């Protein structure tokens, strides 16, 4: 899950695994696998950093095989 902010300042968390695309035009628009669109204050660069951080966190939770 990554923390994000809607344009109105409302904070929410999003399951990063549901993201299909992220684009800036100039607002950052997230398209989910369901086709739903979300507009957020964070830049695409910041979102990518948060998704990578989230994925790294998940890998630390899994014990080595």
N, C-alpha and C. Protein backbone atom coordinates (compact mmCIF):
# COMPACT_ATOMS: atom_id res chain seq x y z
N UNK A 1 0.85 -1.17 0.00
CA UNK A 1 0.00 0.00 0.00
C UNK A 1 0.90 1.24 0.00
N UNK A 2 0.50 2.24 -0.78
CA UNK A 2 1.24 3.50 -0.78
C UNK A 2 0.29 4.63 -0.42
N UNK A 3 0.81 5.60 0.33
CA UNK A 3 0.01 6.74 0.75
C UNK A 3 0.05 7.81 -0.34
N UNK A 4 -1.12 8.36 -0.67
CA UNK A 4 -1.25 9.38 -1.71
C UNK A 4 -2.19 10.48 -1.25
N UNK A 5 -2.24 11.56 -2.03
CA UNK A 5 -3.08 12.70 -1.71
C UNK A 5 -3.92 13.11 -2.92
N UNK A 6 -5.21 13.20 -2.73
CA UNK A 6 -6.10 13.68 -3.80
C UNK A 6 -5.88 15.18 -3.99
N UNK A 7 -6.37 15.73 -5.09
CA UNK A 7 -6.21 17.16 -5.35
C UNK A 7 -6.82 18.03 -4.27
N UNK A 8 -7.86 17.54 -3.60
CA UNK A 8 -8.52 18.32 -2.55
C UNK A 8 -7.80 18.21 -1.20
N UNK A 9 -6.65 17.50 -1.16
CA UNK A 9 -5.87 17.37 0.06
C UNK A 9 -6.20 16.14 0.87
N UNK A 10 -7.20 15.38 0.48
CA UNK A 10 -7.59 14.18 1.21
C UNK A 10 -6.55 13.08 1.02
N UNK A 11 -6.07 12.53 2.13
CA UNK A 11 -5.08 11.44 2.10
C UNK A 11 -5.80 10.10 1.95
N UNK A 12 -5.18 9.17 1.23
CA UNK A 12 -5.70 7.82 1.11
C UNK A 12 -4.55 6.87 0.81
N UNK A 13 -4.79 5.59 0.92
CA UNK A 13 -3.78 4.59 0.58
C UNK A 13 -4.29 3.75 -0.59
N UNK A 14 -3.37 3.35 -1.42
CA UNK A 14 -3.70 2.60 -2.63
C UNK A 14 -2.85 1.34 -2.69
N UNK A 15 -3.47 0.24 -3.05
CA UNK A 15 -2.73 -0.99 -3.27
C UNK A 15 -1.92 -0.80 -4.56
N UNK A 16 -0.61 -0.73 -4.43
CA UNK A 16 0.27 -0.46 -5.57
C UNK A 16 0.16 -1.51 -6.66
N UNK A 17 -0.27 -2.70 -6.31
CA UNK A 17 -0.38 -3.77 -7.29
C UNK A 17 -1.57 -3.58 -8.24
N UNK A 18 -2.44 -2.61 -7.95
CA UNK A 18 -3.59 -2.35 -8.81
C UNK A 18 -3.31 -1.28 -9.87
N UNK A 19 -2.10 -0.70 -9.86
CA UNK A 19 -1.77 0.37 -10.80
C UNK A 19 -1.43 -0.22 -12.16
N UNK A 20 -2.11 0.29 -13.19
CA UNK A 20 -1.79 -0.10 -14.56
C UNK A 20 -0.84 0.92 -15.17
N UNK A 21 -1.19 2.21 -15.11
CA UNK A 21 -0.33 3.26 -15.65
C UNK A 21 -0.35 4.49 -14.76
N UNK A 22 0.71 5.30 -14.90
CA UNK A 22 0.81 6.59 -14.23
C UNK A 22 1.24 7.59 -15.31
N UNK A 23 0.51 8.71 -15.40
CA UNK A 23 0.89 9.73 -16.37
C UNK A 23 0.70 11.11 -15.78
N UNK A 24 1.47 12.07 -16.30
CA UNK A 24 1.35 13.46 -15.87
C UNK A 24 0.91 14.30 -17.05
N UNK A 25 -0.11 15.15 -16.82
CA UNK A 25 -0.60 15.97 -17.94
C UNK A 25 -1.39 17.20 -17.50
N UNK A 26 -1.00 18.15 -16.75
CA UNK A 26 0.14 18.18 -15.82
C UNK A 26 -0.16 17.47 -14.51
N UNK A 27 -1.45 17.24 -14.16
CA UNK A 27 -1.76 16.48 -12.95
C UNK A 27 -1.35 15.03 -13.13
N UNK A 28 -1.07 14.37 -12.03
CA UNK A 28 -0.71 12.96 -12.09
C UNK A 28 -1.99 12.13 -12.08
N UNK A 29 -2.15 11.32 -13.12
CA UNK A 29 -3.33 10.49 -13.29
C UNK A 29 -2.91 9.02 -13.20
N UNK A 30 -3.55 8.32 -12.28
CA UNK A 30 -3.30 6.89 -12.10
C UNK A 30 -4.45 6.13 -12.73
N UNK A 31 -4.13 5.18 -13.58
CA UNK A 31 -5.15 4.29 -14.13
C UNK A 31 -4.96 2.94 -13.47
N UNK A 32 -6.03 2.43 -12.88
CA UNK A 32 -5.98 1.14 -12.20
C UNK A 32 -6.32 0.01 -13.17
N UNK A 33 -6.05 -1.21 -12.79
CA UNK A 33 -6.35 -2.36 -13.64
C UNK A 33 -7.85 -2.47 -13.91
N UNK A 34 -8.67 -1.90 -13.03
CA UNK A 34 -10.12 -1.91 -13.22
C UNK A 34 -10.58 -0.88 -14.25
N UNK A 35 -9.67 0.03 -14.65
CA UNK A 35 -10.03 1.10 -15.57
C UNK A 35 -10.34 2.40 -14.87
N UNK A 36 -10.48 2.37 -13.54
CA UNK A 36 -10.76 3.58 -12.76
C UNK A 36 -9.56 4.52 -12.82
N UNK A 37 -9.82 5.84 -12.85
CA UNK A 37 -8.77 6.85 -12.87
C UNK A 37 -8.77 7.62 -11.55
N UNK A 38 -7.58 7.89 -11.03
CA UNK A 38 -7.42 8.69 -9.83
C UNK A 38 -6.46 9.82 -10.16
N UNK A 39 -6.74 11.02 -9.65
CA UNK A 39 -5.86 12.17 -9.85
C UNK A 39 -5.27 12.52 -8.50
N UNK A 40 -3.94 12.62 -8.44
CA UNK A 40 -3.25 12.85 -7.17
C UNK A 40 -2.25 14.00 -7.27
N UNK A 41 -1.85 14.50 -6.11
CA UNK A 41 -0.88 15.60 -6.05
C UNK A 41 0.55 15.14 -6.31
N UNK A 42 0.87 13.90 -5.94
CA UNK A 42 2.24 13.40 -6.07
C UNK A 42 2.65 13.31 -7.54
N UNK A 43 3.93 13.53 -7.81
CA UNK A 43 4.44 13.40 -9.18
C UNK A 43 4.61 11.92 -9.52
N UNK A 44 4.73 11.63 -10.80
CA UNK A 44 4.94 10.23 -11.20
C UNK A 44 6.27 9.73 -10.65
N UNK A 45 7.27 10.59 -10.60
CA UNK A 45 8.58 10.19 -10.06
C UNK A 45 8.45 9.79 -8.59
N UNK A 46 7.70 10.56 -7.80
CA UNK A 46 7.49 10.25 -6.39
C UNK A 46 6.69 8.96 -6.24
N UNK A 47 5.71 8.76 -7.09
CA UNK A 47 4.91 7.53 -7.03
C UNK A 47 5.76 6.31 -7.33
N UNK A 48 6.61 6.41 -8.33
CA UNK A 48 7.49 5.29 -8.68
C UNK A 48 8.40 4.97 -7.51
N UNK A 49 8.94 6.00 -6.84
CA UNK A 49 9.79 5.79 -5.67
C UNK A 49 9.03 5.04 -4.58
N UNK A 50 7.77 5.44 -4.35
CA UNK A 50 6.97 4.79 -3.31
C UNK A 50 6.62 3.35 -3.66
N UNK A 51 6.33 3.09 -4.93
CA UNK A 51 6.02 1.72 -5.35
C UNK A 51 7.25 0.83 -5.19
N UNK A 52 8.42 1.33 -5.57
CA UNK A 52 9.66 0.55 -5.40
C UNK A 52 9.90 0.27 -3.92
N UNK A 53 9.71 1.28 -3.09
CA UNK A 53 9.87 1.11 -1.64
C UNK A 53 8.90 0.06 -1.10
N UNK A 54 7.66 0.09 -1.57
CA UNK A 54 6.65 -0.88 -1.17
C UNK A 54 7.07 -2.30 -1.57
N UNK A 55 7.53 -2.46 -2.80
CA UNK A 55 7.96 -3.78 -3.29
C UNK A 55 9.15 -4.29 -2.49
N UNK A 56 10.09 -3.42 -2.16
CA UNK A 56 11.24 -3.82 -1.34
C UNK A 56 10.77 -4.28 0.03
N UNK A 57 9.81 -3.58 0.59
CA UNK A 57 9.26 -3.95 1.90
C UNK A 57 8.64 -5.35 1.83
N UNK A 58 7.90 -5.63 0.78
CA UNK A 58 7.28 -6.95 0.62
C UNK A 58 8.34 -8.05 0.56
N UNK A 59 9.41 -7.80 -0.15
CA UNK A 59 10.46 -8.81 -0.28
C UNK A 59 11.14 -9.10 1.06
N UNK A 60 11.26 -8.07 1.91
CA UNK A 60 11.87 -8.28 3.24
C UNK A 60 10.97 -9.13 4.13
N UNK A 61 9.67 -9.12 3.88
CA UNK A 61 8.73 -9.91 4.68
C UNK A 61 8.78 -11.40 4.36
N UNK A 62 9.23 -11.73 3.15
CA UNK A 62 9.27 -13.14 2.73
C UNK A 62 10.57 -13.78 3.20
N UNK A 63 10.49 -14.90 3.93
CA UNK A 63 11.71 -15.57 4.38
C UNK A 63 12.43 -16.20 3.18
N UNK A 64 13.75 -16.27 3.24
CA UNK A 64 14.50 -16.90 2.13
C UNK A 64 14.11 -18.38 1.99
N UNK A 65 14.12 -18.86 0.78
CA UNK A 65 13.72 -20.25 0.52
C UNK A 65 14.82 -21.22 0.84
